[in-house]
Amino acid sequence: MQKKLDQIQKKIVRIKKELLTIGEMRPGSLTLQYQKPKEKKGAFYQISYTHHMKSRTQHVRPEFVEQLHEEIKNYKRFKKLMIDWVDLSIEHSIVKIELAKQTKTDLS
């Protein structure tokens, strides 16, 4: 059981280190829209996202599209790492409690 706790802790440390490498981030999705969709004319990009329970949509200039792609990618990576961290923390807690129960039982 202690070995499993150590393995989980190492994974959590790895996630924390990886989180430190994430650059600027932004939630949302970037899509190409058209002013005249049927003719596919008047193309423009827009970002749509929800933050603080408010949905927002903003036009994006072409020169910022690549930057926003990177920020959105970073945000998705951040979210995945956070979910992994929470999953590991839950598992760590469960194993730690089981280990404590076993130790208590062994002492009785």
N, C-alpha and C. Protein backbone atom coordinates (compact mmCIF):
# COMPACT_ATOMS: atom_id res chain seq x y z
N MET A 1 0.83 -1.21 0.00
CA MET A 1 0.00 0.00 0.00
C MET A 1 0.87 1.26 0.00
N GLN A 2 1.94 1.26 0.78
CA GLN A 2 2.82 2.43 0.83
C GLN A 2 3.46 2.68 -0.53
N LYS A 3 3.78 1.60 -1.24
CA LYS A 3 4.36 1.73 -2.57
C LYS A 3 3.39 2.41 -3.52
N LYS A 4 2.13 2.04 -3.41
CA LYS A 4 1.09 2.65 -4.26
C LYS A 4 0.95 4.14 -3.94
N LEU A 5 0.99 4.49 -2.64
CA LEU A 5 0.94 5.90 -2.24
C LEU A 5 2.11 6.67 -2.85
N ASP A 6 3.29 6.08 -2.81
CA ASP A 6 4.47 6.74 -3.37
C ASP A 6 4.34 6.94 -4.88
N GLN A 7 3.80 5.94 -5.57
CA GLN A 7 3.60 6.05 -7.01
C GLN A 7 2.61 7.17 -7.34
N ILE A 8 1.54 7.22 -6.59
CA ILE A 8 0.53 8.28 -6.81
C ILE A 8 1.16 9.64 -6.57
N GLN A 9 1.91 9.75 -5.48
CA GLN A 9 2.55 11.03 -5.14
C GLN A 9 3.52 11.46 -6.24
N LYS A 10 4.27 10.53 -6.82
CA LYS A 10 5.19 10.86 -7.91
C LYS A 10 4.43 11.38 -9.12
N LYS A 11 3.29 10.77 -9.42
CA LYS A 11 2.47 11.24 -10.55
C LYS A 11 1.95 12.65 -10.29
N ILE A 12 1.55 12.92 -9.05
CA ILE A 12 1.06 14.26 -8.71
C ILE A 12 2.18 15.28 -8.85
N VAL A 13 3.37 14.95 -8.40
CA VAL A 13 4.52 15.85 -8.52
C VAL A 13 4.81 16.14 -10.00
N ARG A 14 4.73 15.10 -10.85
CA ARG A 14 4.95 15.26 -12.29
C ARG A 14 3.92 16.23 -12.88
N ILE A 15 2.67 16.07 -12.47
CA ILE A 15 1.60 16.95 -12.96
C ILE A 15 1.87 18.39 -12.53
N LYS A 16 2.25 18.59 -11.28
CA LYS A 16 2.53 19.94 -10.78
C LYS A 16 3.66 20.59 -11.59
N LYS A 17 4.70 19.81 -11.89
CA LYS A 17 5.81 20.35 -12.69
C LYS A 17 5.34 20.71 -14.09
N GLU A 18 4.50 19.86 -14.67
CA GLU A 18 4.00 20.12 -16.02
C GLU A 18 3.11 21.37 -16.03
N LEU A 19 2.35 21.58 -14.96
CA LEU A 19 1.50 22.77 -14.88
C LEU A 19 2.34 24.05 -14.92
N LEU A 20 3.54 23.99 -14.36
CA LEU A 20 4.41 25.16 -14.36
C LEU A 20 4.90 25.54 -15.75
N THR A 21 4.83 24.62 -16.69
CA THR A 21 5.32 24.89 -18.04
C THR A 21 4.26 25.47 -18.96
N ILE A 22 3.03 25.49 -18.51
CA ILE A 22 1.94 25.98 -19.36
C ILE A 22 2.02 27.50 -19.47
N GLY A 23 1.96 27.98 -20.70
CA GLY A 23 2.02 29.41 -20.93
C GLY A 23 0.63 30.05 -20.82
N GLU A 24 0.46 31.11 -21.56
CA GLU A 24 -0.83 31.81 -21.54
C GLU A 24 -1.93 30.87 -22.01
N MET A 25 -3.09 31.04 -21.43
CA MET A 25 -4.20 30.16 -21.81
C MET A 25 -5.50 30.93 -21.83
N ARG A 26 -6.43 30.36 -22.57
CA ARG A 26 -7.74 30.97 -22.70
C ARG A 26 -8.76 29.89 -23.04
N PRO A 27 -9.91 29.91 -22.37
CA PRO A 27 -10.94 28.93 -22.70
C PRO A 27 -11.63 29.32 -24.01
N GLY A 28 -12.28 28.35 -24.59
CA GLY A 28 -13.12 28.66 -25.74
C GLY A 28 -12.83 27.81 -26.94
N SER A 29 -13.56 28.14 -27.99
CA SER A 29 -13.33 27.49 -29.27
C SER A 29 -13.28 28.57 -30.34
N LEU A 30 -12.37 28.37 -31.25
CA LEU A 30 -12.14 29.33 -32.33
C LEU A 30 -12.72 28.75 -33.60
N THR A 31 -13.60 29.49 -34.23
CA THR A 31 -14.25 28.99 -35.43
C THR A 31 -14.19 30.01 -36.55
N LEU A 32 -14.22 29.49 -37.76
CA LEU A 32 -14.28 30.34 -38.95
C LEU A 32 -15.75 30.51 -39.31
N GLN A 33 -16.18 31.74 -39.41
CA GLN A 33 -17.57 32.06 -39.73
C GLN A 33 -17.60 32.83 -41.06
N TYR A 34 -18.79 32.94 -41.60
CA TYR A 34 -18.97 33.68 -42.85
C TYR A 34 -20.11 34.66 -42.72
N GLN A 35 -19.92 35.86 -43.29
CA GLN A 35 -21.00 36.84 -43.30
C GLN A 35 -22.13 36.36 -44.22
N LYS A 36 -21.74 35.67 -45.29
CA LYS A 36 -22.70 35.06 -46.21
C LYS A 36 -22.37 33.57 -46.29
N PRO A 37 -22.92 32.78 -45.37
CA PRO A 37 -22.55 31.36 -45.30
C PRO A 37 -22.84 30.56 -46.56
N LYS A 38 -23.95 30.85 -47.23
CA LYS A 38 -24.30 30.07 -48.42
C LYS A 38 -23.28 30.24 -49.54
N GLU A 39 -22.76 31.44 -49.68
CA GLU A 39 -21.74 31.70 -50.71
C GLU A 39 -20.33 31.56 -50.16
N LYS A 40 -20.21 31.33 -48.88
CA LYS A 40 -18.91 31.27 -48.19
C LYS A 40 -18.09 32.52 -48.48
N LYS A 41 -18.72 33.67 -48.25
CA LYS A 41 -18.06 34.96 -48.46
C LYS A 41 -18.03 35.73 -47.15
N GLY A 42 -17.01 36.56 -47.03
CA GLY A 42 -16.88 37.38 -45.82
C GLY A 42 -16.42 36.56 -44.63
N ALA A 43 -15.37 35.77 -44.82
CA ALA A 43 -14.88 34.90 -43.76
C ALA A 43 -14.25 35.72 -42.63
N PHE A 44 -14.50 35.26 -41.40
CA PHE A 44 -13.88 35.88 -40.23
C PHE A 44 -13.83 34.82 -39.12
N TYR A 45 -12.92 35.02 -38.19
CA TYR A 45 -12.81 34.11 -37.05
C TYR A 45 -13.50 34.72 -35.85
N GLN A 46 -14.02 33.83 -35.02
CA GLN A 46 -14.56 34.29 -33.75
C GLN A 46 -14.24 33.25 -32.67
N ILE A 47 -14.09 33.76 -31.46
CA ILE A 47 -13.88 32.88 -30.31
C ILE A 47 -15.13 32.94 -29.46
N SER A 48 -15.57 31.77 -29.02
CA SER A 48 -16.73 31.68 -28.14
C SER A 48 -16.30 30.95 -26.88
N TYR A 49 -16.70 31.47 -25.74
CA TYR A 49 -16.34 30.85 -24.48
C TYR A 49 -17.32 31.25 -23.39
N THR A 50 -17.31 30.50 -22.31
CA THR A 50 -18.11 30.82 -21.14
C THR A 50 -17.15 31.00 -19.97
N HIS A 51 -17.31 32.11 -19.27
CA HIS A 51 -16.46 32.41 -18.11
C HIS A 51 -17.32 33.10 -17.07
N HIS A 52 -17.21 32.65 -15.84
CA HIS A 52 -18.05 33.16 -14.75
C HIS A 52 -19.54 33.08 -15.12
N MET A 53 -19.87 31.95 -15.73
CA MET A 53 -21.25 31.63 -16.10
C MET A 53 -21.83 32.62 -17.12
N LYS A 54 -20.97 33.31 -17.85
CA LYS A 54 -21.42 34.22 -18.91
C LYS A 54 -20.81 33.76 -20.22
N SER A 55 -21.67 33.60 -21.21
CA SER A 55 -21.23 33.20 -22.53
C SER A 55 -20.82 34.45 -23.30
N ARG A 56 -19.70 34.34 -24.00
CA ARG A 56 -19.20 35.48 -24.76
C ARG A 56 -18.72 35.02 -26.13
N THR A 57 -18.83 35.91 -27.09
CA THR A 57 -18.31 35.67 -28.43
C THR A 57 -17.62 36.95 -28.89
N GLN A 58 -16.42 36.78 -29.45
CA GLN A 58 -15.65 37.95 -29.90
C GLN A 58 -15.07 37.66 -31.27
N HIS A 59 -15.02 38.70 -32.10
CA HIS A 59 -14.34 38.59 -33.39
C HIS A 59 -12.84 38.55 -33.13
N VAL A 60 -12.13 37.86 -34.00
CA VAL A 60 -10.68 37.72 -33.87
C VAL A 60 -10.03 38.14 -35.19
N ARG A 61 -9.07 39.02 -35.09
CA ARG A 61 -8.32 39.42 -36.28
C ARG A 61 -7.45 38.26 -36.73
N PRO A 62 -7.24 38.13 -38.03
CA PRO A 62 -6.45 37.01 -38.56
C PRO A 62 -5.05 36.89 -37.94
N GLU A 63 -4.43 38.02 -37.61
CA GLU A 63 -3.06 37.96 -37.06
C GLU A 63 -3.00 37.37 -35.64
N PHE A 64 -4.17 37.21 -34.99
CA PHE A 64 -4.19 36.66 -33.64
C PHE A 64 -4.70 35.22 -33.59
N VAL A 65 -5.05 34.67 -34.73
CA VAL A 65 -5.63 33.32 -34.79
C VAL A 65 -4.66 32.27 -34.24
N GLU A 66 -3.42 32.31 -34.70
CA GLU A 66 -2.43 31.31 -34.26
C GLU A 66 -2.17 31.41 -32.76
N GLN A 67 -2.07 32.62 -32.25
CA GLN A 67 -1.86 32.84 -30.82
C GLN A 67 -3.02 32.26 -30.01
N LEU A 68 -4.24 32.51 -30.47
CA LEU A 68 -5.41 31.99 -29.75
C LEU A 68 -5.49 30.47 -29.83
N HIS A 69 -5.10 29.90 -30.96
CA HIS A 69 -5.05 28.43 -31.06
C HIS A 69 -4.15 27.87 -29.96
N GLU A 70 -2.99 28.48 -29.78
CA GLU A 70 -2.03 28.03 -28.77
C GLU A 70 -2.60 28.22 -27.36
N GLU A 71 -3.23 29.36 -27.09
CA GLU A 71 -3.80 29.62 -25.77
C GLU A 71 -4.93 28.64 -25.45
N ILE A 72 -5.75 28.33 -26.43
CA ILE A 72 -6.84 27.37 -26.24
C ILE A 72 -6.27 25.98 -25.99
N LYS A 73 -5.24 25.62 -26.74
CA LYS A 73 -4.58 24.32 -26.55
C LYS A 73 -4.00 24.23 -25.13
N ASN A 74 -3.37 25.31 -24.67
CA ASN A 74 -2.82 25.34 -23.31
C ASN A 74 -3.91 25.20 -22.26
N TYR A 75 -5.05 25.83 -22.49
CA TYR A 75 -6.15 25.74 -21.54
C TYR A 75 -6.67 24.30 -21.45
N LYS A 76 -6.81 23.65 -22.60
CA LYS A 76 -7.28 22.26 -22.61
C LYS A 76 -6.29 21.35 -21.88
N ARG A 77 -5.00 21.60 -22.08
CA ARG A 77 -3.97 20.84 -21.38
C ARG A 77 -4.06 21.07 -19.87
N PHE A 78 -4.24 22.32 -19.49
CA PHE A 78 -4.40 22.68 -18.08
C PHE A 78 -5.60 21.95 -17.46
N LYS A 79 -6.72 21.99 -18.15
CA LYS A 79 -7.92 21.32 -17.63
C LYS A 79 -7.70 19.82 -17.46
N LYS A 80 -7.06 19.18 -18.44
CA LYS A 80 -6.80 17.75 -18.36
C LYS A 80 -5.89 17.43 -17.18
N LEU A 81 -4.84 18.22 -17.02
CA LEU A 81 -3.91 17.99 -15.91
C LEU A 81 -4.61 18.17 -14.56
N MET A 82 -5.48 19.15 -14.47
CA MET A 82 -6.20 19.38 -13.21
C MET A 82 -7.13 18.21 -12.89
N ILE A 83 -7.80 17.70 -13.90
CA ILE A 83 -8.68 16.54 -13.70
C ILE A 83 -7.85 15.34 -13.26
N ASP A 84 -6.71 15.13 -13.91
CA ASP A 84 -5.83 14.02 -13.53
C ASP A 84 -5.35 14.18 -12.09
N TRP A 85 -5.00 15.40 -11.71
CA TRP A 85 -4.52 15.67 -10.35
C TRP A 85 -5.61 15.36 -9.33
N VAL A 86 -6.82 15.79 -9.59
CA VAL A 86 -7.93 15.52 -8.67
C VAL A 86 -8.19 14.02 -8.58
N ASP A 87 -8.19 13.34 -9.72
CA ASP A 87 -8.39 11.88 -9.71
C ASP A 87 -7.33 11.19 -8.86
N LEU A 88 -6.07 11.60 -9.06
CA LEU A 88 -4.99 11.00 -8.27
C LEU A 88 -5.11 11.34 -6.79
N SER A 89 -5.54 12.55 -6.49
CA SER A 89 -5.70 12.96 -5.09
C SER A 89 -6.78 12.15 -4.40
N ILE A 90 -7.85 11.88 -5.11
CA ILE A 90 -8.92 11.04 -4.56
C ILE A 90 -8.39 9.64 -4.30
N GLU A 91 -7.69 9.10 -5.29
CA GLU A 91 -7.12 7.76 -5.14
C GLU A 91 -6.13 7.73 -3.98
N HIS A 92 -5.31 8.76 -3.85
CA HIS A 92 -4.33 8.86 -2.77
C HIS A 92 -5.03 8.85 -1.42
N SER A 93 -6.09 9.61 -1.31
CA SER A 93 -6.86 9.68 -0.06
C SER A 93 -7.44 8.32 0.31
N ILE A 94 -8.01 7.65 -0.66
CA ILE A 94 -8.62 6.33 -0.42
C ILE A 94 -7.56 5.33 0.05
N VAL A 95 -6.43 5.29 -0.64
CA VAL A 95 -5.37 4.35 -0.28
C VAL A 95 -4.81 4.69 1.10
N LYS A 96 -4.66 5.97 1.38
CA LYS A 96 -4.14 6.40 2.68
C LYS A 96 -5.06 5.98 3.82
N ILE A 97 -6.36 6.12 3.61
CA ILE A 97 -7.34 5.71 4.62
C ILE A 97 -7.30 4.20 4.81
N GLU A 98 -7.22 3.46 3.70
CA GLU A 98 -7.13 2.00 3.79
C GLU A 98 -5.88 1.56 4.53
N LEU A 99 -4.79 2.24 4.25
CA LEU A 99 -3.53 1.93 4.92
C LEU A 99 -3.64 2.20 6.42
N ALA A 100 -4.28 3.29 6.79
CA ALA A 100 -4.48 3.63 8.20
C ALA A 100 -5.36 2.59 8.88
N LYS A 101 -6.40 2.13 8.18
CA LYS A 101 -7.28 1.09 8.74
C LYS A 101 -6.50 -0.19 8.98
N GLN A 102 -5.67 -0.57 8.02
CA GLN A 102 -4.87 -1.79 8.15
C GLN A 102 -3.89 -1.67 9.32
N THR A 103 -3.27 -0.52 9.43
CA THR A 103 -2.32 -0.29 10.51
C THR A 103 -3.02 -0.38 11.87
N LYS A 104 -4.19 0.21 11.95
CA LYS A 104 -4.97 0.18 13.19
C LYS A 104 -5.38 -1.27 13.52
N THR A 105 -5.80 -2.02 12.50
CA THR A 105 -6.20 -3.42 12.68
C THR A 105 -5.00 -4.26 13.11
N ASP A 106 -3.84 -3.98 12.50
CA ASP A 106 -2.63 -4.74 12.84
C ASP A 106 -2.20 -4.48 14.28
N LEU A 107 -2.46 -3.28 14.77
CA LEU A 107 -2.07 -2.93 16.14
C LEU A 107 -3.00 -3.55 17.17
N SER A 108 -4.22 -3.89 16.77
CA SER A 108 -5.22 -4.43 17.71
C SER A 108 -4.94 -5.86 18.09
